[in-house]
């Protein structure tokens, strides 16, 4: 397989994942994704932002999230996010430390 075809297939797979999470599975909470898989929608939007920044495209976290979510984070939270349980929050702290670390 040539490089351009591989890149196009990878991009198509990413778009399918993004659309799946944005449209078909809005019920899946980010905290559950992070606790089970070590990444969530916010991670995906951060990786998108980092890739843009590496190519000299100025993009901040808010812009990347709006591209990935198709709306502002406030809109997303109001429409789809539920309150996390204390068990979910405890698991998230561990998962975040293991998978993301200090982003400050």
N, C-alpha and C. Protein backbone atom coordinates (compact mmCIF):
# COMPACT_ATOMS: atom_id res chain seq x y z
N UNK A 1 0.85 -1.18 0.00
CA UNK A 1 0.00 0.00 0.00
C UNK A 1 0.89 1.23 0.00
N UNK A 2 0.54 2.20 -0.83
CA UNK A 2 1.35 3.41 -0.88
C UNK A 2 1.01 4.33 0.29
N UNK A 3 1.90 5.26 0.57
CA UNK A 3 1.77 6.14 1.73
C UNK A 3 0.50 6.97 1.68
N UNK A 4 0.18 7.55 0.54
CA UNK A 4 -1.00 8.40 0.45
C UNK A 4 -2.29 7.61 0.73
N UNK A 5 -2.37 6.40 0.23
CA UNK A 5 -3.54 5.56 0.49
C UNK A 5 -3.64 5.23 1.97
N UNK A 6 -2.52 4.90 2.59
CA UNK A 6 -2.51 4.61 4.03
C UNK A 6 -3.00 5.82 4.81
N UNK A 7 -2.50 7.00 4.49
CA UNK A 7 -2.92 8.23 5.17
C UNK A 7 -4.42 8.46 5.00
N UNK A 8 -4.92 8.25 3.80
CA UNK A 8 -6.35 8.45 3.53
C UNK A 8 -7.20 7.45 4.31
N UNK A 9 -6.75 6.21 4.40
CA UNK A 9 -7.48 5.20 5.17
C UNK A 9 -7.46 5.52 6.66
N UNK A 10 -6.31 5.95 7.16
CA UNK A 10 -6.22 6.33 8.57
C UNK A 10 -7.14 7.52 8.87
N UNK A 11 -7.16 8.49 7.98
CA UNK A 11 -8.04 9.65 8.16
C UNK A 11 -9.51 9.23 8.13
N UNK A 12 -9.86 8.32 7.24
CA UNK A 12 -11.24 7.84 7.16
C UNK A 12 -11.62 7.10 8.44
N UNK A 13 -10.69 6.32 8.97
CA UNK A 13 -10.97 5.59 10.22
C UNK A 13 -11.15 6.58 11.37
N UNK A 14 -10.33 7.62 11.41
CA UNK A 14 -10.47 8.64 12.45
C UNK A 14 -11.82 9.34 12.34
N UNK A 15 -12.20 9.72 11.14
CA UNK A 15 -13.50 10.38 10.94
C UNK A 15 -14.65 9.47 11.36
N UNK A 16 -14.53 8.19 11.06
CA UNK A 16 -15.57 7.23 11.46
C UNK A 16 -15.66 7.13 12.98
N UNK A 17 -14.52 7.09 13.66
CA UNK A 17 -14.51 7.06 15.13
C UNK A 17 -15.12 8.34 15.69
N UNK A 18 -14.69 9.48 15.17
CA UNK A 18 -15.23 10.76 15.63
C UNK A 18 -16.74 10.80 15.44
N UNK A 19 -17.21 10.44 14.27
CA UNK A 19 -18.65 10.47 13.99
C UNK A 19 -19.41 9.48 14.85
N UNK A 20 -18.83 8.32 15.08
CA UNK A 20 -19.46 7.32 15.94
C UNK A 20 -19.68 7.89 17.34
N UNK A 21 -18.65 8.54 17.88
CA UNK A 21 -18.74 9.09 19.23
C UNK A 21 -19.59 10.36 19.29
N UNK A 22 -19.61 11.15 18.21
CA UNK A 22 -20.37 12.40 18.18
C UNK A 22 -21.84 12.19 17.91
N UNK A 23 -22.17 11.19 17.10
CA UNK A 23 -23.54 11.04 16.61
C UNK A 23 -24.21 9.78 17.15
N UNK A 24 -23.56 8.66 17.00
CA UNK A 24 -24.20 7.39 17.33
C UNK A 24 -24.13 7.03 18.80
N UNK A 25 -23.08 7.44 19.50
CA UNK A 25 -22.89 7.02 20.89
C UNK A 25 -22.68 8.21 21.83
N UNK A 26 -23.56 9.18 21.73
CA UNK A 26 -23.49 10.31 22.64
C UNK A 26 -23.77 9.88 24.08
N UNK A 27 -24.35 8.69 24.24
CA UNK A 27 -24.64 8.17 25.57
C UNK A 27 -23.39 7.70 26.30
N UNK A 28 -22.33 7.42 25.57
CA UNK A 28 -21.10 6.95 26.19
C UNK A 28 -20.38 8.16 26.81
N UNK A 29 -20.20 8.10 28.10
CA UNK A 29 -19.59 9.21 28.83
C UNK A 29 -18.07 9.19 28.69
N UNK A 30 -17.47 10.38 28.60
CA UNK A 30 -16.02 10.49 28.53
C UNK A 30 -15.33 9.80 29.70
N UNK A 31 -15.90 9.95 30.89
CA UNK A 31 -15.26 9.37 32.07
C UNK A 31 -15.20 7.85 31.96
N UNK A 32 -16.24 7.25 31.39
CA UNK A 32 -16.23 5.79 31.20
C UNK A 32 -15.20 5.38 30.15
N UNK A 33 -15.11 6.16 29.08
CA UNK A 33 -14.09 5.87 28.05
C UNK A 33 -12.69 5.95 28.66
N UNK A 34 -12.45 7.00 29.44
CA UNK A 34 -11.14 7.18 30.04
C UNK A 34 -10.83 6.05 31.01
N UNK A 35 -11.81 5.67 31.80
CA UNK A 35 -11.58 4.62 32.79
C UNK A 35 -11.35 3.26 32.14
N UNK A 36 -12.00 3.01 31.02
CA UNK A 36 -11.86 1.71 30.37
C UNK A 36 -10.73 1.66 29.33
N UNK A 37 -10.58 2.73 28.58
CA UNK A 37 -9.65 2.70 27.45
C UNK A 37 -8.42 3.59 27.61
N UNK A 38 -8.46 4.49 28.59
CA UNK A 38 -7.32 5.37 28.79
C UNK A 38 -7.32 6.58 27.88
N UNK A 39 -8.42 6.83 27.18
CA UNK A 39 -8.57 8.03 26.36
C UNK A 39 -10.05 8.33 26.23
N UNK A 40 -10.36 9.57 25.84
CA UNK A 40 -11.75 9.97 25.67
C UNK A 40 -11.84 10.98 24.53
N UNK A 41 -13.00 11.56 24.35
CA UNK A 41 -13.19 12.55 23.29
C UNK A 41 -12.23 13.74 23.47
N UNK A 42 -12.02 14.14 24.72
CA UNK A 42 -11.10 15.26 24.96
C UNK A 42 -9.68 14.90 24.55
N UNK A 43 -9.27 13.67 24.77
CA UNK A 43 -7.94 13.23 24.34
C UNK A 43 -7.84 13.30 22.82
N UNK A 44 -8.87 12.81 22.14
CA UNK A 44 -8.87 12.84 20.68
C UNK A 44 -8.79 14.27 20.16
N UNK A 45 -9.53 15.18 20.79
CA UNK A 45 -9.47 16.57 20.34
C UNK A 45 -8.10 17.18 20.66
N UNK A 46 -7.49 16.78 21.77
CA UNK A 46 -6.15 17.27 22.11
C UNK A 46 -5.12 16.76 21.10
N UNK A 47 -5.22 15.50 20.72
CA UNK A 47 -4.29 14.97 19.73
C UNK A 47 -4.46 15.68 18.39
N UNK A 48 -5.69 16.02 18.05
CA UNK A 48 -5.98 16.77 16.83
C UNK A 48 -5.31 18.15 16.91
N UNK A 49 -5.48 18.81 18.06
CA UNK A 49 -4.87 20.12 18.27
C UNK A 49 -3.35 20.04 18.18
N UNK A 50 -2.77 19.06 18.83
CA UNK A 50 -1.31 18.90 18.81
C UNK A 50 -0.80 18.67 17.40
N UNK A 51 -1.52 17.87 16.62
CA UNK A 51 -1.12 17.63 15.23
C UNK A 51 -1.18 18.93 14.42
N UNK A 52 -2.22 19.71 14.65
CA UNK A 52 -2.33 21.00 13.96
C UNK A 52 -1.19 21.93 14.36
N UNK A 53 -0.94 22.03 15.65
CA UNK A 53 0.12 22.91 16.14
C UNK A 53 1.49 22.49 15.61
N UNK A 54 1.74 21.18 15.51
CA UNK A 54 3.01 20.68 14.98
C UNK A 54 3.21 21.10 13.53
N UNK A 55 2.12 21.34 12.83
CA UNK A 55 2.19 21.75 11.43
C UNK A 55 2.09 23.26 11.25
N UNK A 56 2.20 23.99 12.37
CA UNK A 56 2.17 25.43 12.31
C UNK A 56 0.78 26.03 12.23
N UNK A 57 -0.25 25.22 12.47
CA UNK A 57 -1.63 25.71 12.46
C UNK A 57 -2.00 26.08 13.88
N UNK A 58 -2.31 27.35 14.10
CA UNK A 58 -2.68 27.79 15.44
C UNK A 58 -4.07 27.29 15.78
N UNK A 59 -4.16 26.56 16.89
CA UNK A 59 -5.43 26.03 17.35
C UNK A 59 -5.32 25.83 18.85
N UNK A 60 -6.31 26.33 19.57
CA UNK A 60 -6.30 26.11 21.01
C UNK A 60 -7.25 24.97 21.38
N UNK A 61 -7.28 24.65 22.66
CA UNK A 61 -8.08 23.53 23.15
C UNK A 61 -9.57 23.72 22.83
N UNK A 62 -10.05 24.93 23.02
CA UNK A 62 -11.46 25.21 22.76
C UNK A 62 -11.81 24.98 21.30
N UNK A 63 -10.98 25.47 20.41
CA UNK A 63 -11.22 25.28 18.97
C UNK A 63 -11.19 23.81 18.59
N UNK A 64 -10.22 23.08 19.12
CA UNK A 64 -10.09 21.66 18.79
C UNK A 64 -11.30 20.89 19.30
N UNK A 65 -11.76 21.21 20.48
CA UNK A 65 -12.93 20.51 21.02
C UNK A 65 -14.18 20.82 20.20
N UNK A 66 -14.33 22.06 19.77
CA UNK A 66 -15.50 22.40 18.95
C UNK A 66 -15.47 21.66 17.62
N UNK A 67 -14.28 21.49 17.05
CA UNK A 67 -14.15 20.73 15.81
C UNK A 67 -14.52 19.27 16.07
N UNK A 68 -14.01 18.73 17.16
CA UNK A 68 -14.24 17.31 17.43
C UNK A 68 -15.67 17.03 17.88
N UNK A 69 -16.23 17.87 18.75
CA UNK A 69 -17.57 17.66 19.27
C UNK A 69 -18.67 18.17 18.34
N UNK A 70 -18.32 19.09 17.44
CA UNK A 70 -19.33 19.67 16.57
C UNK A 70 -20.16 20.74 17.27
N UNK A 71 -19.72 21.16 18.44
CA UNK A 71 -20.40 22.18 19.24
C UNK A 71 -19.46 22.57 20.37
N UNK A 72 -19.85 23.58 21.13
CA UNK A 72 -19.03 23.97 22.28
C UNK A 72 -19.11 22.90 23.37
N UNK A 73 -18.14 22.89 24.25
CA UNK A 73 -18.16 21.95 25.37
C UNK A 73 -19.37 22.20 26.26
N UNK A 74 -19.73 23.46 26.46
CA UNK A 74 -20.90 23.77 27.29
C UNK A 74 -22.16 23.15 26.69
N UNK A 75 -22.31 23.26 25.36
CA UNK A 75 -23.47 22.65 24.70
C UNK A 75 -23.45 21.13 24.86
N UNK A 76 -22.28 20.53 24.63
CA UNK A 76 -22.15 19.07 24.75
C UNK A 76 -22.53 18.61 26.16
N UNK A 77 -21.97 19.27 27.14
CA UNK A 77 -22.25 18.89 28.53
C UNK A 77 -23.74 19.00 28.84
N UNK A 78 -24.35 20.08 28.40
CA UNK A 78 -25.78 20.28 28.67
C UNK A 78 -26.64 19.21 28.00
N UNK A 79 -26.24 18.79 26.80
CA UNK A 79 -27.04 17.81 26.05
C UNK A 79 -26.78 16.37 26.47
N UNK A 80 -25.52 16.04 26.77
CA UNK A 80 -25.16 14.63 26.86
C UNK A 80 -24.46 14.18 28.14
N UNK A 81 -23.80 15.08 28.85
CA UNK A 81 -23.00 14.64 29.99
C UNK A 81 -23.86 14.43 31.22
N UNK A 82 -23.59 13.34 31.91
CA UNK A 82 -24.27 13.05 33.17
C UNK A 82 -23.29 13.22 34.32
N UNK A 83 -23.81 13.32 35.53
CA UNK A 83 -22.94 13.44 36.70
C UNK A 83 -22.20 12.13 36.94
N UNK A 84 -20.94 12.25 37.26
CA UNK A 84 -20.12 11.07 37.54
C UNK A 84 -20.29 10.65 38.99
N UNK A 85 -20.28 9.36 39.20
CA UNK A 85 -20.34 8.83 40.58
C UNK A 85 -18.97 8.98 41.23
N UNK A 86 -18.92 8.84 42.53
CA UNK A 86 -17.63 8.92 43.23
C UNK A 86 -16.72 7.78 42.79
N UNK A 87 -17.27 6.62 42.48
CA UNK A 87 -16.47 5.49 41.99
C UNK A 87 -15.86 5.82 40.63
N UNK A 88 -16.64 6.42 39.75
CA UNK A 88 -16.12 6.82 38.44
C UNK A 88 -15.03 7.87 38.60
N UNK A 89 -15.24 8.83 39.48
CA UNK A 89 -14.26 9.89 39.70
C UNK A 89 -12.95 9.34 40.25
N UNK A 90 -13.03 8.40 41.17
CA UNK A 90 -11.81 7.78 41.72
C UNK A 90 -11.05 7.03 40.64
N UNK A 91 -11.77 6.27 39.83
CA UNK A 91 -11.13 5.52 38.74
C UNK A 91 -10.53 6.48 37.72
N UNK A 92 -11.20 7.60 37.48
CA UNK A 92 -10.71 8.58 36.52
C UNK A 92 -9.38 9.17 36.98
N UNK A 93 -9.26 9.50 38.25
CA UNK A 93 -8.01 10.07 38.76
C UNK A 93 -6.84 9.15 38.46
N UNK A 94 -7.04 7.87 38.68
CA UNK A 94 -5.99 6.88 38.42
C UNK A 94 -5.71 6.78 36.93
N UNK A 95 -6.76 6.66 36.12
CA UNK A 95 -6.59 6.53 34.68
C UNK A 95 -5.94 7.76 34.07
N UNK A 96 -6.36 8.94 34.51
CA UNK A 96 -5.78 10.18 34.00
C UNK A 96 -4.30 10.25 34.30
N UNK A 97 -3.93 9.92 35.54
CA UNK A 97 -2.52 9.95 35.93
C UNK A 97 -1.69 8.97 35.10
N UNK A 98 -2.25 7.78 34.83
CA UNK A 98 -1.53 6.77 34.09
C UNK A 98 -1.43 7.09 32.59
N UNK A 99 -2.47 7.69 32.04
CA UNK A 99 -2.56 7.85 30.58
C UNK A 99 -2.28 9.26 30.07
N UNK A 100 -2.52 10.24 30.88
CA UNK A 100 -2.33 11.62 30.44
C UNK A 100 -1.21 12.28 31.20
N UNK A 101 -1.20 12.13 32.50
CA UNK A 101 -0.18 12.74 33.31
C UNK A 101 -0.43 14.21 33.50
N UNK A 102 0.62 14.91 33.85
CA UNK A 102 0.51 16.36 34.11
C UNK A 102 0.51 17.12 32.79
N UNK A 103 -0.59 17.82 32.52
CA UNK A 103 -0.72 18.61 31.30
C UNK A 103 -0.47 20.09 31.58
N UNK A 104 -0.15 20.44 32.80
CA UNK A 104 0.01 21.84 33.18
C UNK A 104 1.34 22.34 32.86
